[in-house]
Amino acid sequence: MIGYTIVIEAEKEGGYVVSVPALPGCFSQGDDRDEALRNAREAIAAYLDELHARGEEIPREVGTETQFLELPELEYGT
């Protein structure tokens, strides 16, 4: 099984955008989280299929860590 870390961002206008840091240029979106995740799976599969068709190496994610980093109050906003 292969897997990738995704980043899900809520849009101000509604909906969600999904990016895959290990696969540059691999993005998707959806009107809700579930749709965004379904579309992300399809986008990742299409991305990997294209790499395979061109004979390129399939990227493997190794040692990825995500963490939310809080910053102290700054002069220009909170």
N, C-alpha and C. Protein backbone atom coordinates (compact mmCIF):
# COMPACT_ATOMS: atom_id res chain seq x y z
N MET A 1 0.85 -1.18 0.00
CA MET A 1 0.00 0.00 0.00
C MET A 1 0.89 1.24 0.00
N ILE A 2 0.46 2.23 -0.72
CA ILE A 2 1.18 3.50 -0.77
C ILE A 2 0.26 4.59 -0.23
N GLY A 3 0.81 5.58 0.39
CA GLY A 3 0.02 6.66 0.94
C GLY A 3 0.79 7.96 0.93
N TYR A 4 0.06 9.05 1.00
CA TYR A 4 0.67 10.38 0.99
C TYR A 4 -0.03 11.29 1.98
N THR A 5 0.75 12.18 2.58
CA THR A 5 0.20 13.21 3.43
C THR A 5 -0.47 14.24 2.54
N ILE A 6 -1.66 14.68 2.94
CA ILE A 6 -2.36 15.73 2.20
C ILE A 6 -2.59 16.91 3.11
N VAL A 7 -2.76 18.07 2.51
CA VAL A 7 -3.08 19.29 3.25
C VAL A 7 -4.46 19.73 2.78
N ILE A 8 -5.38 19.86 3.73
CA ILE A 8 -6.76 20.26 3.42
C ILE A 8 -6.96 21.68 3.94
N GLU A 9 -7.34 22.57 3.04
CA GLU A 9 -7.55 23.96 3.42
C GLU A 9 -8.98 24.39 3.09
N ALA A 10 -9.66 24.94 4.09
CA ALA A 10 -11.00 25.49 3.87
C ALA A 10 -10.87 26.81 3.14
N GLU A 11 -11.71 27.01 2.13
CA GLU A 11 -11.72 28.24 1.37
C GLU A 11 -12.68 29.24 2.00
N LYS A 12 -12.36 30.51 1.97
CA LYS A 12 -13.23 31.55 2.53
C LYS A 12 -14.60 31.55 1.86
N GLU A 13 -14.63 31.27 0.55
CA GLU A 13 -15.88 31.29 -0.21
C GLU A 13 -16.67 29.99 -0.05
N GLY A 14 -16.10 29.02 0.65
CA GLY A 14 -16.72 27.71 0.82
C GLY A 14 -15.95 26.65 0.06
N GLY A 15 -16.08 25.44 0.49
CA GLY A 15 -15.37 24.35 -0.14
C GLY A 15 -13.97 24.16 0.43
N TYR A 16 -13.27 23.18 -0.12
CA TYR A 16 -11.95 22.81 0.37
C TYR A 16 -11.00 22.59 -0.79
N VAL A 17 -9.74 22.92 -0.58
CA VAL A 17 -8.67 22.65 -1.54
C VAL A 17 -7.73 21.67 -0.88
N VAL A 18 -7.28 20.68 -1.64
CA VAL A 18 -6.37 19.66 -1.13
C VAL A 18 -5.08 19.69 -1.96
N SER A 19 -3.94 19.69 -1.28
CA SER A 19 -2.65 19.59 -1.96
C SER A 19 -1.89 18.39 -1.40
N VAL A 20 -0.95 17.90 -2.19
CA VAL A 20 -0.16 16.73 -1.82
C VAL A 20 1.31 17.16 -1.90
N PRO A 21 1.93 17.53 -0.77
CA PRO A 21 3.29 18.06 -0.80
C PRO A 21 4.31 17.16 -1.50
N ALA A 22 4.19 15.86 -1.39
CA ALA A 22 5.16 14.95 -2.00
C ALA A 22 5.00 14.83 -3.50
N LEU A 23 3.87 15.35 -4.03
CA LEU A 23 3.59 15.27 -5.47
C LEU A 23 3.38 16.69 -6.00
N PRO A 24 4.45 17.38 -6.36
CA PRO A 24 4.34 18.78 -6.78
C PRO A 24 3.31 18.97 -7.90
N GLY A 25 2.42 19.92 -7.69
CA GLY A 25 1.40 20.22 -8.68
C GLY A 25 0.15 19.37 -8.56
N CYS A 26 0.10 18.46 -7.58
CA CYS A 26 -1.07 17.62 -7.40
C CYS A 26 -2.02 18.30 -6.42
N PHE A 27 -3.13 18.81 -6.97
CA PHE A 27 -4.13 19.53 -6.20
C PHE A 27 -5.51 18.99 -6.55
N SER A 28 -6.46 19.22 -5.66
CA SER A 28 -7.85 18.88 -5.92
C SER A 28 -8.71 19.78 -5.06
N GLN A 29 -10.02 19.63 -5.21
CA GLN A 29 -10.93 20.44 -4.40
C GLN A 29 -12.27 19.74 -4.30
N GLY A 30 -13.13 20.28 -3.44
CA GLY A 30 -14.48 19.75 -3.30
C GLY A 30 -15.34 20.72 -2.54
N ASP A 31 -16.65 20.57 -2.69
CA ASP A 31 -17.59 21.45 -2.01
C ASP A 31 -17.64 21.17 -0.51
N ASP A 32 -17.35 19.92 -0.10
CA ASP A 32 -17.26 19.57 1.32
C ASP A 32 -16.05 18.66 1.51
N ARG A 33 -15.73 18.35 2.77
CA ARG A 33 -14.53 17.55 3.07
C ARG A 33 -14.55 16.19 2.38
N ASP A 34 -15.69 15.52 2.45
CA ASP A 34 -15.78 14.18 1.85
C ASP A 34 -15.53 14.22 0.35
N GLU A 35 -16.13 15.19 -0.32
CA GLU A 35 -15.92 15.32 -1.76
C GLU A 35 -14.46 15.66 -2.06
N ALA A 36 -13.88 16.55 -1.25
CA ALA A 36 -12.48 16.93 -1.45
C ALA A 36 -11.56 15.72 -1.29
N LEU A 37 -11.84 14.86 -0.31
CA LEU A 37 -11.02 13.66 -0.10
C LEU A 37 -11.19 12.66 -1.25
N ARG A 38 -12.42 12.47 -1.71
CA ARG A 38 -12.65 11.58 -2.87
C ARG A 38 -11.90 12.10 -4.09
N ASN A 39 -12.02 13.39 -4.33
CA ASN A 39 -11.35 13.98 -5.48
C ASN A 39 -9.83 13.92 -5.35
N ALA A 40 -9.33 14.05 -4.12
CA ALA A 40 -7.89 13.96 -3.89
C ALA A 40 -7.38 12.56 -4.23
N ARG A 41 -8.12 11.54 -3.83
CA ARG A 41 -7.72 10.16 -4.17
C ARG A 41 -7.63 9.99 -5.68
N GLU A 42 -8.62 10.52 -6.39
CA GLU A 42 -8.62 10.43 -7.86
C GLU A 42 -7.44 11.20 -8.45
N ALA A 43 -7.17 12.39 -7.92
CA ALA A 43 -6.06 13.21 -8.43
C ALA A 43 -4.72 12.51 -8.20
N ILE A 44 -4.55 11.91 -7.02
CA ILE A 44 -3.30 11.20 -6.73
C ILE A 44 -3.14 10.01 -7.67
N ALA A 45 -4.21 9.25 -7.86
CA ALA A 45 -4.15 8.08 -8.75
C ALA A 45 -3.80 8.52 -10.18
N ALA A 46 -4.42 9.60 -10.66
CA ALA A 46 -4.13 10.09 -12.01
C ALA A 46 -2.68 10.57 -12.13
N TYR A 47 -2.21 11.25 -11.10
CA TYR A 47 -0.83 11.74 -11.07
C TYR A 47 0.15 10.57 -11.16
N LEU A 48 -0.09 9.54 -10.33
CA LEU A 48 0.81 8.38 -10.32
C LEU A 48 0.70 7.59 -11.62
N ASP A 49 -0.49 7.47 -12.18
CA ASP A 49 -0.66 6.79 -13.48
C ASP A 49 0.15 7.50 -14.56
N GLU A 50 0.13 8.82 -14.55
CA GLU A 50 0.89 9.58 -15.55
C GLU A 50 2.39 9.38 -15.38
N LEU A 51 2.86 9.40 -14.14
CA LEU A 51 4.29 9.14 -13.91
C LEU A 51 4.67 7.76 -14.42
N HIS A 52 3.85 6.77 -14.10
CA HIS A 52 4.10 5.39 -14.53
C HIS A 52 4.13 5.29 -16.06
N ALA A 53 3.17 5.94 -16.72
CA ALA A 53 3.09 5.90 -18.17
C ALA A 53 4.33 6.51 -18.83
N ARG A 54 4.93 7.49 -18.17
CA ARG A 54 6.14 8.13 -18.70
C ARG A 54 7.41 7.43 -18.26
N GLY A 55 7.25 6.36 -17.46
CA GLY A 55 8.41 5.61 -16.99
C GLY A 55 9.19 6.30 -15.89
N GLU A 56 8.54 7.25 -15.22
CA GLU A 56 9.20 7.98 -14.14
C GLU A 56 8.99 7.25 -12.81
N GLU A 57 9.88 7.52 -11.90
CA GLU A 57 9.82 6.90 -10.57
C GLU A 57 8.61 7.42 -9.79
N ILE A 58 7.95 6.52 -9.08
CA ILE A 58 6.83 6.89 -8.21
C ILE A 58 7.41 7.38 -6.89
N PRO A 59 7.14 8.64 -6.52
CA PRO A 59 7.68 9.16 -5.26
C PRO A 59 7.13 8.40 -4.05
N ARG A 60 7.98 8.13 -3.11
CA ARG A 60 7.59 7.52 -1.84
C ARG A 60 7.79 8.56 -0.75
N GLU A 61 6.83 8.67 0.10
CA GLU A 61 6.93 9.62 1.19
C GLU A 61 7.63 8.95 2.37
N VAL A 62 8.65 9.62 2.88
CA VAL A 62 9.41 9.05 3.98
C VAL A 62 9.60 10.11 5.06
N GLY A 63 9.22 9.78 6.26
CA GLY A 63 9.50 10.64 7.41
C GLY A 63 8.78 11.98 7.41
N THR A 64 7.60 12.06 6.84
CA THR A 64 6.87 13.32 6.86
C THR A 64 6.24 13.54 8.23
N GLU A 65 6.35 14.76 8.71
CA GLU A 65 5.73 15.13 9.99
C GLU A 65 5.00 16.44 9.79
N THR A 66 3.81 16.53 10.35
CA THR A 66 3.09 17.79 10.31
C THR A 66 2.85 18.26 11.74
N GLN A 67 2.90 19.56 11.91
CA GLN A 67 2.69 20.14 13.22
C GLN A 67 2.20 21.57 13.04
N PHE A 68 1.25 21.97 13.87
CA PHE A 68 0.77 23.34 13.86
C PHE A 68 1.70 24.17 14.74
N LEU A 69 2.23 25.24 14.20
CA LEU A 69 3.17 26.08 14.93
C LEU A 69 2.49 27.39 15.29
N GLU A 70 2.31 27.62 16.57
CA GLU A 70 1.69 28.87 17.03
C GLU A 70 2.75 29.94 17.16
N LEU A 71 2.37 31.16 16.79
CA LEU A 71 3.27 32.30 16.87
C LEU A 71 2.75 33.28 17.91
N PRO A 72 3.64 33.96 18.60
CA PRO A 72 3.18 34.96 19.58
C PRO A 72 2.47 36.10 18.82
N GLU A 73 1.68 36.85 19.56
CA GLU A 73 1.01 37.98 18.94
C GLU A 73 2.02 38.87 18.24
N LEU A 74 1.66 39.29 17.06
CA LEU A 74 2.55 40.15 16.30
C LEU A 74 1.91 41.53 16.15
N GLU A 75 2.73 42.50 15.91
CA GLU A 75 2.31 43.89 15.82
C GLU A 75 1.23 44.09 14.75
N TYR A 76 1.25 43.33 13.67
CA TYR A 76 0.33 43.55 12.55
C TYR A 76 -0.90 42.67 12.56
N GLY A 77 -1.15 41.93 13.63
CA GLY A 77 -2.36 41.13 13.71
C GLY A 77 -2.24 40.02 14.73
N THR A 78 -3.34 39.40 15.01
CA THR A 78 -3.34 38.30 15.96
C THR A 78 -3.96 37.08 15.33
